[in-house]
Amino acid sequence: MEIVNFDYLYNWIVLGSIADPRWWLLFASIFWPWLLWWRVVEKTRMFEILAYGLFWAAMATWLDLLGTEYGKWSYPIKLDNDIQTLLPADTAVIPVMYMLLYQYTSTWKTFVIGSVITAAVLSFIFEPLFLMLDMLELKEWSHTKSFFSFLFLAIATRTLFFFIKKKQITF
């Protein structure tokens, strides 16, 4: 009985991505945003803010899965080659950015302004950086589409949570 599959370990370490610094960047980006969030989250609203972020994580993962499945984009460097989405972005970076936005903006005006800035950072800074580092390949997608998608999803998600909070108060 073979306890350790050395061929798999060899392929994963030597031939795979783990020897690449970009892999370690992705690995670290799973934890750093959440550590930052834990330090700055408003503890009295933690459940609400966390629910908002988990909704973002589920939505980002699902939409990323659709985009990769339908050939809109792909990720040459991933944490695990068997998973086609970029889980660190979907489950950490994007949700934490939007949770911080949700926490620190109290009016619709500041939220929309913050959403424009956040969407611009994700679309016009992070995406080109990932392209430059060969961590992202855009096939049938553009930064502009990402920008408007992030902006629309931010406004739709805050609207949804606005109505959920309103209903919660009436119960």
C-alpha atoms as a PDB file:
ATOM      1  CA  MET A   1       0.000   0.000   0.000  1.00  0.00           C
ATOM      2  CA  GLU A   2       1.393   3.379  -1.052  1.00  0.00           C
ATOM      3  CA  ILE A   3       0.807   6.024   1.612  1.00  0.00           C
ATOM      4  CA  VAL A   4       2.172   8.971  -0.355  1.00  0.00           C
ATOM      5  CA  ASN A   5       1.772   9.387  -4.081  1.00  0.00           C
ATOM      6  CA  PHE A   6       5.207  10.786  -4.926  1.00  0.00           C
ATOM      7  CA  ASP A   7       4.339  11.280  -8.597  1.00  0.00           C
ATOM      8  CA  TYR A   8       1.498  13.604  -7.595  1.00  0.00           C
ATOM      9  CA  LEU A   9       3.718  15.517  -5.147  1.00  0.00           C
ATOM     10  CA  TYR A  10       6.482  15.830  -7.740  1.00  0.00           C
ATOM     11  CA  ASN A  11       4.061  17.081 -10.372  1.00  0.00           C
ATOM     12  CA  TRP A  12       2.464  19.520  -7.936  1.00  0.00           C
ATOM     13  CA  ILE A  13       5.718  20.952  -6.547  1.00  0.00           C
ATOM     14  CA  VAL A  14       8.181  20.772  -9.425  1.00  0.00           C
ATOM     15  CA  LEU A  15       6.022  20.832 -12.530  1.00  0.00           C
ATOM     16  CA  GLY A  16       3.063  22.657 -11.069  1.00  0.00           C
ATOM     17  CA  SER A  17       2.528  26.149  -9.806  1.00  0.00           C
ATOM     18  CA  ILE A  18       3.730  25.869  -6.212  1.00  0.00           C
ATOM     19  CA  ALA A  19       7.306  26.681  -7.239  1.00  0.00           C
ATOM     20  CA  ASP A  20       6.058  29.919  -8.837  1.00  0.00           C
ATOM     21  CA  PRO A  21       6.016  33.122  -6.707  1.00  0.00           C
ATOM     22  CA  ARG A  22       2.670  33.989  -8.296  1.00  0.00           C
ATOM     23  CA  TRP A  23       1.187  30.879  -6.678  1.00  0.00           C
ATOM     24  CA  TRP A  24       2.362  32.160  -3.295  1.00  0.00           C
ATOM     25  CA  LEU A  25       0.823  35.552  -4.022  1.00  0.00           C
ATOM     26  CA  LEU A  26      -2.508  33.835  -4.595  1.00  0.00           C
ATOM     27  CA  PHE A  27      -2.066  31.713  -1.478  1.00  0.00           C
ATOM     28  CA  ALA A  28      -1.323  34.754   0.685  1.00  0.00           C
ATOM     29  CA  SER A  29      -4.251  36.660  -0.812  1.00  0.00           C
ATOM     30  CA  ILE A  30      -6.612  34.140   0.753  1.00  0.00           C
ATOM     31  CA  PHE A  31      -5.585  35.195   4.264  1.00  0.00           C
ATOM     32  CA  TRP A  32      -4.394  38.829   4.139  1.00  0.00           C
ATOM     33  CA  PRO A  33      -7.743  40.410   3.252  1.00  0.00           C
ATOM     34  CA  TRP A  34      -9.549  38.469   5.985  1.00  0.00           C
ATOM     35  CA  LEU A  35      -6.919  39.412   8.584  1.00  0.00           C
ATOM     36  CA  LEU A  36      -7.305  43.057   7.599  1.00  0.00           C
ATOM     37  CA  TRP A  37     -11.088  42.738   7.742  1.00  0.00           C
ATOM     38  CA  TRP A  38     -10.971  41.178  11.215  1.00  0.00           C
ATOM     39  CA  ARG A  39      -8.907  44.112  12.503  1.00  0.00           C
ATOM     40  CA  VAL A  40     -11.187  46.835  11.145  1.00  0.00           C
ATOM     41  CA  VAL A  41     -14.676  45.332  11.077  1.00  0.00           C
ATOM     42  CA  GLU A  42     -17.253  47.144  13.143  1.00  0.00           C
ATOM     43  CA  LYS A  43     -17.933  44.419  15.715  1.00  0.00           C
ATOM     44  CA  THR A  44     -21.474  45.590  16.479  1.00  0.00           C
ATOM     45  CA  ARG A  45     -22.439  45.065  12.817  1.00  0.00           C
ATOM     46  CA  MET A  46     -20.252  42.030  12.203  1.00  0.00           C
ATOM     47  CA  PHE A  47     -23.068  39.634  11.314  1.00  0.00           C
ATOM     48  CA  GLU A  48     -24.626  42.017   8.799  1.00  0.00           C
ATOM     49  CA  ILE A  49     -21.291  42.889   7.199  1.00  0.00           C
ATOM     50  CA  LEU A  50     -20.186  39.257   7.098  1.00  0.00           C
ATOM     51  CA  ALA A  51     -23.486  38.214   5.502  1.00  0.00           C
ATOM     52  CA  TYR A  52     -22.942  40.922   2.891  1.00  0.00           C
ATOM     53  CA  GLY A  53     -19.429  39.659   2.202  1.00  0.00           C
ATOM     54  CA  LEU A  54     -20.443  36.015   2.034  1.00  0.00           C
ATOM     55  CA  PHE A  55     -23.134  36.950  -0.468  1.00  0.00           C
ATOM     56  CA  TRP A  56     -20.401  38.648  -2.522  1.00  0.00           C
ATOM     57  CA  ALA A  57     -18.167  35.567  -2.223  1.00  0.00           C
ATOM     58  CA  ALA A  58     -20.923  33.253  -3.439  1.00  0.00           C
ATOM     59  CA  MET A  59     -21.847  35.618  -6.267  1.00  0.00           C
ATOM     60  CA  ALA A  60     -18.215  36.189  -7.344  1.00  0.00           C
ATOM     61  CA  THR A  61     -17.461  32.466  -7.313  1.00  0.00           C
ATOM     62  CA  TRP A  62     -20.581  31.616  -9.317  1.00  0.00           C
ATOM     63  CA  LEU A  63     -19.989  34.365 -11.888  1.00  0.00           C
ATOM     64  CA  ASP A  64     -16.297  33.472 -12.173  1.00  0.00           C
ATOM     65  CA  LEU A  65     -17.274  29.862 -12.764  1.00  0.00           C
ATOM     66  CA  LEU A  66     -19.683  30.934 -15.517  1.00  0.00           C
ATOM     67  CA  GLY A  67     -17.095  33.201 -17.116  1.00  0.00           C
ATOM     68  CA  THR A  68     -14.400  30.540 -17.192  1.00  0.00           C
ATOM     69  CA  GLU A  69     -16.826  27.825 -18.276  1.00  0.00           C
ATOM     70  CA  TYR A  70     -18.087  29.906 -21.214  1.00  0.00           C
ATOM     71  CA  GLY A  71     -14.586  30.920 -22.272  1.00  0.00           C
ATOM     72  CA  LYS A  72     -14.725  34.609 -21.385  1.00  0.00           C
ATOM     73  CA  TRP A  73     -11.448  34.395 -19.432  1.00  0.00           C
ATOM     74  CA  SER A  74      -9.059  31.865 -17.910  1.00  0.00           C
ATOM     75  CA  TYR A  75      -6.386  31.678 -15.235  1.00  0.00           C
ATOM     76  CA  PRO A  76      -3.026  30.154 -16.202  1.00  0.00           C
ATOM     77  CA  ILE A  77      -1.854  30.287 -12.551  1.00  0.00           C
ATOM     78  CA  LYS A  78      -4.236  28.906  -9.943  1.00  0.00           C
ATOM     79  CA  LEU A  79      -3.903  27.429  -6.486  1.00  0.00           C
ATOM     80  CA  ASP A  80      -5.136  24.092  -7.782  1.00  0.00           C
ATOM     81  CA  ASN A  81      -5.209  23.249 -11.469  1.00  0.00           C
ATOM     82  CA  ASP A  82      -8.362  21.194 -10.989  1.00  0.00           C
ATOM     83  CA  ILE A  83     -10.312  24.323  -9.966  1.00  0.00           C
ATOM     84  CA  GLN A  84     -10.879  26.656 -12.894  1.00  0.00           C
ATOM     85  CA  THR A  85     -11.844  29.781 -10.925  1.00  0.00           C
ATOM     86  CA  LEU A  86      -9.606  32.169  -9.036  1.00  0.00           C
ATOM     87  CA  LEU A  87     -10.796  31.340  -5.524  1.00  0.00           C
ATOM     88  CA  PRO A  88      -8.564  33.829  -3.644  1.00  0.00           C
ATOM     89  CA  ALA A  89     -10.167  36.713  -5.526  1.00  0.00           C
ATOM     90  CA  ASP A  90     -13.668  35.240  -5.317  1.00  0.00           C
ATOM     91  CA  THR A  91     -13.591  34.311  -1.637  1.00  0.00           C
ATOM     92  CA  ALA A  92     -11.266  36.894  -0.113  1.00  0.00           C
ATOM     93  CA  VAL A  93     -10.159  39.936  -2.115  1.00  0.00           C
ATOM     94  CA  ILE A  94     -13.479  40.912  -3.723  1.00  0.00           C
ATOM     95  CA  PRO A  95     -15.750  40.178  -0.728  1.00  0.00           C
ATOM     96  CA  VAL A  96     -13.466  41.974   1.731  1.00  0.00           C
ATOM     97  CA  MET A  97     -13.175  45.042  -0.502  1.00  0.00           C
ATOM     98  CA  TYR A  98     -16.957  45.256  -0.780  1.00  0.00           C
ATOM     99  CA  MET A  99     -17.489  44.567   2.931  1.00  0.00           C
ATOM    100  CA  LEU A 100     -15.196  47.483   3.763  1.00  0.00           C
ATOM    101  CA  LEU A 101     -17.060  49.651   1.271  1.00  0.00           C
ATOM    102  CA  TYR A 102     -20.378  48.583   2.805  1.00  0.00           C
ATOM    103  CA  GLN A 103     -19.140  49.291   6.321  1.00  0.00           C
ATOM    104  CA  TYR A 104     -17.600  52.700   5.668  1.00  0.00           C
ATOM    105  CA  THR A 105     -20.295  54.245   3.456  1.00  0.00           C
ATOM    106  CA  SER A 106     -23.458  55.334   5.170  1.00  0.00           C
ATOM    107  CA  THR A 107     -25.271  57.079   2.314  1.00  0.00           C
ATOM    108  CA  TRP A 108     -26.133  56.016  -1.207  1.00  0.00           C
ATOM    109  CA  LYS A 109     -24.040  58.850  -2.621  1.00  0.00           C
ATOM    110  CA  THR A 110     -20.863  57.762  -0.813  1.00  0.00           C
ATOM    111  CA  PHE A 111     -21.596  54.120  -1.622  1.00  0.00           C
ATOM    112  CA  VAL A 112     -21.949  54.801  -5.358  1.00  0.00           C
ATOM    113  CA  ILE A 113     -18.758  56.891  -5.385  1.00  0.00           C
ATOM    114  CA  GLY A 114     -16.955  54.153  -3.464  1.00  0.00           C
ATOM    115  CA  SER A 115     -18.379  51.530  -5.823  1.00  0.00           C
ATOM    116  CA  VAL A 116     -17.047  53.400  -8.835  1.00  0.00           C
ATOM    117  CA  ILE A 117     -13.602  53.575  -7.226  1.00  0.00           C
ATOM    118  CA  THR A 118     -13.661  49.908  -6.159  1.00  0.00           C
ATOM    119  CA  ALA A 119     -14.844  48.751  -9.585  1.00  0.00           C
ATOM    120  CA  ALA A 120     -12.129  50.873 -11.216  1.00  0.00           C
ATOM    121  CA  VAL A 121      -9.417  49.434  -8.966  1.00  0.00           C
ATOM    122  CA  LEU A 122     -10.532  45.859  -9.625  1.00  0.00           C
ATOM    123  CA  SER A 123     -11.037  46.367 -13.378  1.00  0.00           C
ATOM    124  CA  PHE A 124      -8.351  48.827 -14.397  1.00  0.00           C
ATOM    125  CA  ILE A 125      -5.577  48.089 -11.878  1.00  0.00           C
ATOM    126  CA  PHE A 126      -5.849  44.483 -10.652  1.00  0.00           C
ATOM    127  CA  GLU A 127      -6.940  42.952 -13.964  1.00  0.00           C
ATOM    128  CA  PRO A 128      -4.157  44.589 -16.038  1.00  0.00           C
ATOM    129  CA  LEU A 129      -1.662  43.628 -13.333  1.00  0.00           C
ATOM    130  CA  PHE A 130      -2.842  40.021 -13.517  1.00  0.00           C
ATOM    131  CA  LEU A 131      -2.590  40.173 -17.320  1.00  0.00           C
ATOM    132  CA  MET A 132       0.951  41.523 -17.064  1.00  0.00           C
ATOM    133  CA  LEU A 133       1.918  38.734 -14.635  1.00  0.00           C
ATOM    134  CA  ASP A 134       0.326  36.123 -16.950  1.00  0.00           C
ATOM    135  CA  MET A 135      -2.167  35.190 -14.238  1.00  0.00           C
ATOM    136  CA  LEU A 136      -5.223  36.111 -16.313  1.00  0.00           C
ATOM    137  CA  GLU A 137      -6.160  35.673 -19.956  1.00  0.00           C
ATOM    138  CA  LEU A 138      -9.085  37.697 -21.274  1.00  0.00           C
ATOM    139  CA  LYS A 139     -10.702  35.984 -24.239  1.00  0.00           C
ATOM    140  CA  GLU A 140     -14.159  37.428 -24.828  1.00  0.00           C
ATOM    141  CA  TRP A 141     -14.112  39.980 -22.039  1.00  0.00           C
ATOM    142  CA  SER A 142     -12.790  43.475 -21.374  1.00  0.00           C
ATOM    143  CA  HIS A 143     -11.885  45.678 -18.439  1.00  0.00           C
ATOM    144  CA  THR A 144     -14.837  47.915 -19.272  1.00  0.00           C
ATOM    145  CA  LYS A 145     -17.250  44.977 -19.005  1.00  0.00           C
ATOM    146  CA  SER A 146     -15.704  44.097 -15.638  1.00  0.00           C
ATOM    147  CA  PHE A 147     -16.054  47.689 -14.457  1.00  0.00           C
ATOM    148  CA  PHE A 148     -19.745  47.928 -15.284  1.00  0.00           C
ATOM    149  CA  SER A 149     -20.395  44.429 -13.914  1.00  0.00           C
ATOM    150  CA  PHE A 150     -18.762  45.269 -10.577  1.00  0.00           C
ATOM    151  CA  LEU A 151     -20.630  48.571 -10.421  1.00  0.00           C
ATOM    152  CA  PHE A 152     -24.012  47.006 -11.230  1.00  0.00           C
ATOM    153  CA  LEU A 153     -23.473  44.140  -8.766  1.00  0.00           C
ATOM    154  CA  ALA A 154     -22.426  46.525  -5.998  1.00  0.00           C
ATOM    155  CA  ILE A 155     -25.559  48.645  -6.364  1.00  0.00           C
ATOM    156  CA  ALA A 156     -27.821  45.593  -6.738  1.00  0.00           C
ATOM    157  CA  THR A 157     -26.303  43.898  -3.684  1.00  0.00           C
ATOM    158  CA  ARG A 158     -26.612  46.968  -1.479  1.00  0.00           C
ATOM    159  CA  THR A 159     -30.199  47.405  -2.652  1.00  0.00           C
ATOM    160  CA  LEU A 160     -30.958  43.798  -1.752  1.00  0.00           C
ATOM    161  CA  PHE A 161     -29.431  44.204   1.712  1.00  0.00           C
ATOM    162  CA  PHE A 162     -31.257  47.496   2.198  1.00  0.00           C
ATOM    163  CA  PHE A 163     -34.567  45.682   1.667  1.00  0.00           C
ATOM    164  CA  ILE A 164     -33.512  42.740   3.849  1.00  0.00           C
ATOM    165  CA  LYS A 165     -32.629  45.115   6.695  1.00  0.00           C
ATOM    166  CA  LYS A 166     -35.917  46.970   6.225  1.00  0.00           C
ATOM    167  CA  LYS A 167     -37.873  43.697   6.395  1.00  0.00           C
ATOM    168  CA  GLN A 168     -35.894  42.559   9.435  1.00  0.00           C
ATOM    169  CA  ILE A 169     -36.880  45.709  11.308  1.00  0.00           C
ATOM    170  CA  THR A 170     -40.585  45.175  10.541  1.00  0.00           C
ATOM    171  CA  PHE A 171     -40.576  41.573  11.837  1.00  0.00           C
END
